[in-house]
Amino acid sequence: MVEKTEQMKALREVIARHKDEKGPLMPVMQEAQKIFGYLPQDVQIVIAEGLGLTLSEVYGVATFYSQFSLQPKGEHVISVCMGTACYVKGAQAVLDKLASSLGVEPGETTKDGKFTLVATRCLGACGLAPVLTVDEDVHGRVTPDDVPMILSRYED
């Protein structure tokens, strides 16, 4: 619980640093997500109280922008492009193989906290379709048969 106490202290320092600026909510939420890895309700409450906002205002921003997460993410985030080019070239089969291999559905995190699986829009690498990323690593022309090898690189 010490870690959470230290994180809350860091959050309050962030709020104090930004509260008198114009439009402090976004920078505070961005820094809060860096501190905690996501924005759980208790963090949203502290932000709302610290900035003189309602919880619904903070929650509304947290759920509107895709950069914010209300659930903890895994150590590695796997994003499978479901844009048109990737979808046509078999991205759904790759996503299905990842889901069955990891035992999670898109949007979920494995029980061990190692992986979060996300189905995403175009990643901008259509020439490499189908594409997935693991954190910042791009994997192109992926087939379902490639999934075990890709996962093994991150299972240390």
C-alpha atoms as a PDB file:
ATOM      1  CA  MET A   1       0.000   0.000   0.000  1.00  0.00           C
ATOM      2  CA  VAL A   2       3.048   2.246   0.359  1.00  0.00           C
ATOM      3  CA  GLU A   3       3.306   2.488  -3.425  1.00  0.00           C
ATOM      4  CA  LYS A   4      -0.287   3.746  -3.728  1.00  0.00           C
ATOM      5  CA  THR A   5       0.378   6.324  -0.981  1.00  0.00           C
ATOM      6  CA  GLU A   6       3.466   7.568  -2.835  1.00  0.00           C
ATOM      7  CA  GLN A   7       1.517   7.665  -6.091  1.00  0.00           C
ATOM      8  CA  MET A   8      -1.279   9.699  -4.478  1.00  0.00           C
ATOM      9  CA  LYS A   9       1.299  12.109  -3.070  1.00  0.00           C
ATOM     10  CA  ALA A  10       2.780  12.510  -6.574  1.00  0.00           C
ATOM     11  CA  LEU A  11      -0.728  13.068  -7.990  1.00  0.00           C
ATOM     12  CA  ARG A  12      -1.470  15.805  -5.457  1.00  0.00           C
ATOM     13  CA  GLU A  13       1.802  17.509  -6.412  1.00  0.00           C
ATOM     14  CA  VAL A  14       0.778  17.368 -10.091  1.00  0.00           C
ATOM     15  CA  ILE A  15      -2.621  18.873  -9.260  1.00  0.00           C
ATOM     16  CA  ALA A  16      -1.011  21.656  -7.214  1.00  0.00           C
ATOM     17  CA  ARG A  17       1.369  22.435 -10.083  1.00  0.00           C
ATOM     18  CA  HIS A  18      -1.418  22.695 -12.689  1.00  0.00           C
ATOM     19  CA  LYS A  19      -4.511  23.840 -10.783  1.00  0.00           C
ATOM     20  CA  ASP A  20      -4.018  27.573 -11.434  1.00  0.00           C
ATOM     21  CA  GLU A  21      -3.324  27.113 -15.163  1.00  0.00           C
ATOM     22  CA  LYS A  22      -5.971  27.510 -17.813  1.00  0.00           C
ATOM     23  CA  GLY A  23      -7.410  24.105 -18.747  1.00  0.00           C
ATOM     24  CA  PRO A  24      -5.586  21.983 -16.167  1.00  0.00           C
ATOM     25  CA  LEU A  25      -7.661  18.803 -16.515  1.00  0.00           C
ATOM     26  CA  MET A  26      -5.963  17.183 -19.524  1.00  0.00           C
ATOM     27  CA  PRO A  27      -2.371  17.647 -18.337  1.00  0.00           C
ATOM     28  CA  VAL A  28      -3.299  16.440 -14.837  1.00  0.00           C
ATOM     29  CA  MET A  29      -5.044  13.361 -16.235  1.00  0.00           C
ATOM     30  CA  GLN A  30      -2.122  12.607 -18.562  1.00  0.00           C
ATOM     31  CA  GLU A  31       0.364  12.797 -15.702  1.00  0.00           C
ATOM     32  CA  ALA A  32      -1.958  10.789 -13.444  1.00  0.00           C
ATOM     33  CA  GLN A  33      -2.093   8.026 -16.030  1.00  0.00           C
ATOM     34  CA  LYS A  34       1.718   8.009 -16.182  1.00  0.00           C
ATOM     35  CA  ILE A  35       1.844   7.673 -12.392  1.00  0.00           C
ATOM     36  CA  PHE A  36      -0.798   4.941 -12.020  1.00  0.00           C
ATOM     37  CA  GLY A  37      -0.847   3.353 -15.483  1.00  0.00           C
ATOM     38  CA  TYR A  38      -4.598   3.970 -15.690  1.00  0.00           C
ATOM     39  CA  LEU A  39      -7.289   6.172 -14.099  1.00  0.00           C
ATOM     40  CA  PRO A  40      -9.214   4.228 -11.445  1.00  0.00           C
ATOM     41  CA  GLN A  41     -12.182   5.881  -9.749  1.00  0.00           C
ATOM     42  CA  ASP A  42     -10.265   6.891  -6.604  1.00  0.00           C
ATOM     43  CA  VAL A  43      -7.755   8.763  -8.779  1.00  0.00           C
ATOM     44  CA  GLN A  44     -10.561  10.468 -10.699  1.00  0.00           C
ATOM     45  CA  ILE A  45     -12.100  11.572  -7.387  1.00  0.00           C
ATOM     46  CA  VAL A  46      -8.811  13.105  -6.202  1.00  0.00           C
ATOM     47  CA  ILE A  47      -8.445  14.917  -9.543  1.00  0.00           C
ATOM     48  CA  ALA A  48     -12.032  16.218  -9.406  1.00  0.00           C
ATOM     49  CA  GLU A  49     -11.696  17.443  -5.826  1.00  0.00           C
ATOM     50  CA  GLY A  50      -8.257  18.940  -6.456  1.00  0.00           C
ATOM     51  CA  LEU A  51      -9.409  20.892  -9.506  1.00  0.00           C
ATOM     52  CA  GLY A  52     -12.851  21.835  -8.204  1.00  0.00           C
ATOM     53  CA  LEU A  53     -14.656  19.718 -10.801  1.00  0.00           C
ATOM     54  CA  THR A  54     -17.330  17.055 -10.569  1.00  0.00           C
ATOM     55  CA  LEU A  55     -16.435  13.390 -10.860  1.00  0.00           C
ATOM     56  CA  SER A  56     -18.696  13.197 -13.926  1.00  0.00           C
ATOM     57  CA  GLU A  57     -16.614  15.887 -15.683  1.00  0.00           C
ATOM     58  CA  VAL A  58     -13.395  13.950 -15.071  1.00  0.00           C
ATOM     59  CA  TYR A  59     -15.037  10.643 -16.019  1.00  0.00           C
ATOM     60  CA  GLY A  60     -16.451  12.207 -19.194  1.00  0.00           C
ATOM     61  CA  VAL A  61     -12.981  13.241 -20.358  1.00  0.00           C
ATOM     62  CA  ALA A  62     -11.485   9.880 -19.322  1.00  0.00           C
ATOM     63  CA  THR A  63     -14.027   7.964 -21.396  1.00  0.00           C
ATOM     64  CA  PHE A  64     -14.039  10.332 -24.381  1.00  0.00           C
ATOM     65  CA  TYR A  65     -10.313  10.226 -25.178  1.00  0.00           C
ATOM     66  CA  SER A  66      -8.822   6.879 -26.162  1.00  0.00           C
ATOM     67  CA  GLN A  67      -5.474   7.782 -24.595  1.00  0.00           C
ATOM     68  CA  PHE A  68      -7.000   7.238 -21.155  1.00  0.00           C
ATOM     69  CA  SER A  69      -7.709   3.843 -19.652  1.00  0.00           C
ATOM     70  CA  LEU A  70     -10.043   3.030 -16.769  1.00  0.00           C
ATOM     71  CA  GLN A  71      -8.586  -0.460 -16.412  1.00  0.00           C
ATOM     72  CA  PRO A  72      -5.002  -1.482 -15.718  1.00  0.00           C
ATOM     73  CA  LYS A  73      -3.041  -2.417 -18.803  1.00  0.00           C
ATOM     74  CA  GLY A  74      -0.659  -5.299 -19.080  1.00  0.00           C
ATOM     75  CA  GLU A  75       3.097  -5.065 -19.148  1.00  0.00           C
ATOM     76  CA  HIS A  76       2.818  -5.398 -22.950  1.00  0.00           C
ATOM     77  CA  VAL A  77      -0.045  -3.968 -25.028  1.00  0.00           C
ATOM     78  CA  ILE A  78      -0.788  -5.878 -28.227  1.00  0.00           C
ATOM     79  CA  SER A  79      -2.737  -3.800 -30.755  1.00  0.00           C
ATOM     80  CA  VAL A  80      -4.123  -5.568 -33.805  1.00  0.00           C
ATOM     81  CA  CYS A  81      -5.018  -3.289 -36.702  1.00  0.00           C
ATOM     82  CA  MET A  82      -8.577  -3.866 -37.884  1.00  0.00           C
ATOM     83  CA  GLY A  83      -8.467  -1.197 -40.608  1.00  0.00           C
ATOM     84  CA  THR A  84      -9.723  -2.136 -44.060  1.00  0.00           C
ATOM     85  CA  ALA A  85      -6.424  -3.321 -45.577  1.00  0.00           C
ATOM     86  CA  CYS A  86      -5.520  -5.388 -42.506  1.00  0.00           C
ATOM     87  CA  TYR A  87      -9.014  -6.786 -42.131  1.00  0.00           C
ATOM     88  CA  VAL A  88      -9.164  -7.872 -45.782  1.00  0.00           C
ATOM     89  CA  LYS A  89      -5.780  -9.590 -45.439  1.00  0.00           C
ATOM     90  CA  GLY A  90      -6.750 -11.645 -42.381  1.00  0.00           C
ATOM     91  CA  ALA A  91      -6.442  -9.485 -39.269  1.00  0.00           C
ATOM     92  CA  GLN A  92      -9.536 -11.083 -37.703  1.00  0.00           C
ATOM     93  CA  ALA A  93      -7.902 -14.528 -37.802  1.00  0.00           C
ATOM     94  CA  VAL A  94      -4.759 -13.068 -36.171  1.00  0.00           C
ATOM     95  CA  LEU A  95      -6.850 -11.369 -33.483  1.00  0.00           C
ATOM     96  CA  ASP A  96      -8.762 -14.610 -32.856  1.00  0.00           C
ATOM     97  CA  LYS A  97      -5.507 -16.587 -32.529  1.00  0.00           C
ATOM     98  CA  LEU A  98      -4.101 -14.020 -30.069  1.00  0.00           C
ATOM     99  CA  ALA A  99      -7.323 -14.092 -28.031  1.00  0.00           C
ATOM    100  CA  SER A 100      -7.324 -17.884 -27.805  1.00  0.00           C
ATOM    101  CA  SER A 101      -3.574 -18.059 -27.089  1.00  0.00           C
ATOM    102  CA  LEU A 102      -3.802 -15.462 -24.309  1.00  0.00           C
ATOM    103  CA  GLY A 103      -7.190 -16.544 -22.943  1.00  0.00           C
ATOM    104  CA  VAL A 104      -8.641 -13.034 -23.179  1.00  0.00           C
ATOM    105  CA  GLU A 105     -10.994 -11.086 -25.386  1.00  0.00           C
ATOM    106  CA  PRO A 106      -9.992  -7.793 -27.050  1.00  0.00           C
ATOM    107  CA  GLY A 107      -9.957  -5.049 -24.431  1.00  0.00           C
ATOM    108  CA  GLU A 108      -8.929  -7.442 -21.650  1.00  0.00           C
ATOM    109  CA  THR A 109      -5.687  -8.096 -19.789  1.00  0.00           C
ATOM    110  CA  THR A 110      -4.295 -11.531 -19.002  1.00  0.00           C
ATOM    111  CA  LYS A 111      -4.644 -12.674 -15.391  1.00  0.00           C
ATOM    112  CA  ASP A 112      -0.872 -12.503 -14.892  1.00  0.00           C
ATOM    113  CA  GLY A 113      -0.880  -8.848 -16.039  1.00  0.00           C
ATOM    114  CA  LYS A 114       1.572  -9.616 -18.839  1.00  0.00           C
ATOM    115  CA  PHE A 115      -0.537  -8.732 -21.919  1.00  0.00           C
ATOM    116  CA  THR A 116      -3.446  -6.482 -22.858  1.00  0.00           C
ATOM    117  CA  LEU A 117      -5.087  -7.273 -26.200  1.00  0.00           C
ATOM    118  CA  VAL A 118      -6.611  -4.408 -28.187  1.00  0.00           C
ATOM    119  CA  ALA A 119      -8.386  -4.312 -31.546  1.00  0.00           C
ATOM    120  CA  THR A 120      -7.572  -0.928 -33.018  1.00  0.00           C
ATOM    121  CA  ARG A 121      -8.249   1.194 -36.068  1.00  0.00           C
ATOM    122  CA  CYS A 122      -5.710   1.807 -38.809  1.00  0.00           C
ATOM    123  CA  LEU A 123      -2.106   1.840 -37.615  1.00  0.00           C
ATOM    124  CA  GLY A 124      -0.925   3.493 -40.835  1.00  0.00           C
ATOM    125  CA  ALA A 125       1.146   0.582 -42.116  1.00  0.00           C
ATOM    126  CA  CYS A 126      -1.243  -0.718 -44.770  1.00  0.00           C
ATOM    127  CA  GLY A 127       1.585  -1.980 -46.979  1.00  0.00           C
ATOM    128  CA  LEU A 128       2.484  -4.447 -44.221  1.00  0.00           C
ATOM    129  CA  ALA A 129      -1.080  -5.707 -43.687  1.00  0.00           C
ATOM    130  CA  PRO A 130      -2.086  -7.367 -41.509  1.00  0.00           C
ATOM    131  CA  VAL A 131      -0.182  -5.469 -38.833  1.00  0.00           C
ATOM    132  CA  LEU A 132       0.012  -5.665 -35.082  1.00  0.00           C
ATOM    133  CA  THR A 133       2.122  -3.832 -32.560  1.00  0.00           C
ATOM    134  CA  VAL A 134       3.462  -5.037 -29.252  1.00  0.00           C
ATOM    135  CA  ASP A 135       4.209  -1.876 -27.341  1.00  0.00           C
ATOM    136  CA  GLU A 136       6.247   0.098 -29.918  1.00  0.00           C
ATOM    137  CA  ASP A 137       7.367  -2.929 -31.967  1.00  0.00           C
ATOM    138  CA  VAL A 138       5.643  -3.295 -35.358  1.00  0.00           C
ATOM    139  CA  HIS A 139       4.988  -6.768 -36.775  1.00  0.00           C
ATOM    140  CA  GLY A 140       3.840  -6.884 -40.386  1.00  0.00           C
ATOM    141  CA  ARG A 141       2.359  -9.478 -42.723  1.00  0.00           C
ATOM    142  CA  VAL A 142       1.328 -11.475 -39.663  1.00  0.00           C
ATOM    143  CA  THR A 143      -0.493 -14.785 -39.952  1.00  0.00           C
ATOM    144  CA  PRO A 144      -2.122 -16.784 -37.168  1.00  0.00           C
ATOM    145  CA  ASP A 145       0.842 -19.184 -37.359  1.00  0.00           C
ATOM    146  CA  ASP A 146       3.183 -16.299 -36.412  1.00  0.00           C
ATOM    147  CA  VAL A 147       1.395 -15.631 -33.122  1.00  0.00           C
ATOM    148  CA  PRO A 148       3.267 -18.144 -30.894  1.00  0.00           C
ATOM    149  CA  MET A 149       6.657 -16.863 -32.069  1.00  0.00           C
ATOM    150  CA  ILE A 150       5.651 -13.214 -31.575  1.00  0.00           C
ATOM    151  CA  LEU A 151       4.309 -13.894 -28.062  1.00  0.00           C
ATOM    152  CA  SER A 152       7.432 -15.830 -27.092  1.00  0.00           C
ATOM    153  CA  ARG A 153       9.538 -12.686 -27.622  1.00  0.00           C
ATOM    154  CA  TYR A 154       7.680 -10.942 -24.789  1.00  0.00           C
ATOM    155  CA  GLU A 155       7.079 -13.775 -22.325  1.00  0.00           C
ATOM    156  CA  ASP A 156      10.389 -13.518 -20.471  1.00  0.00           C
END
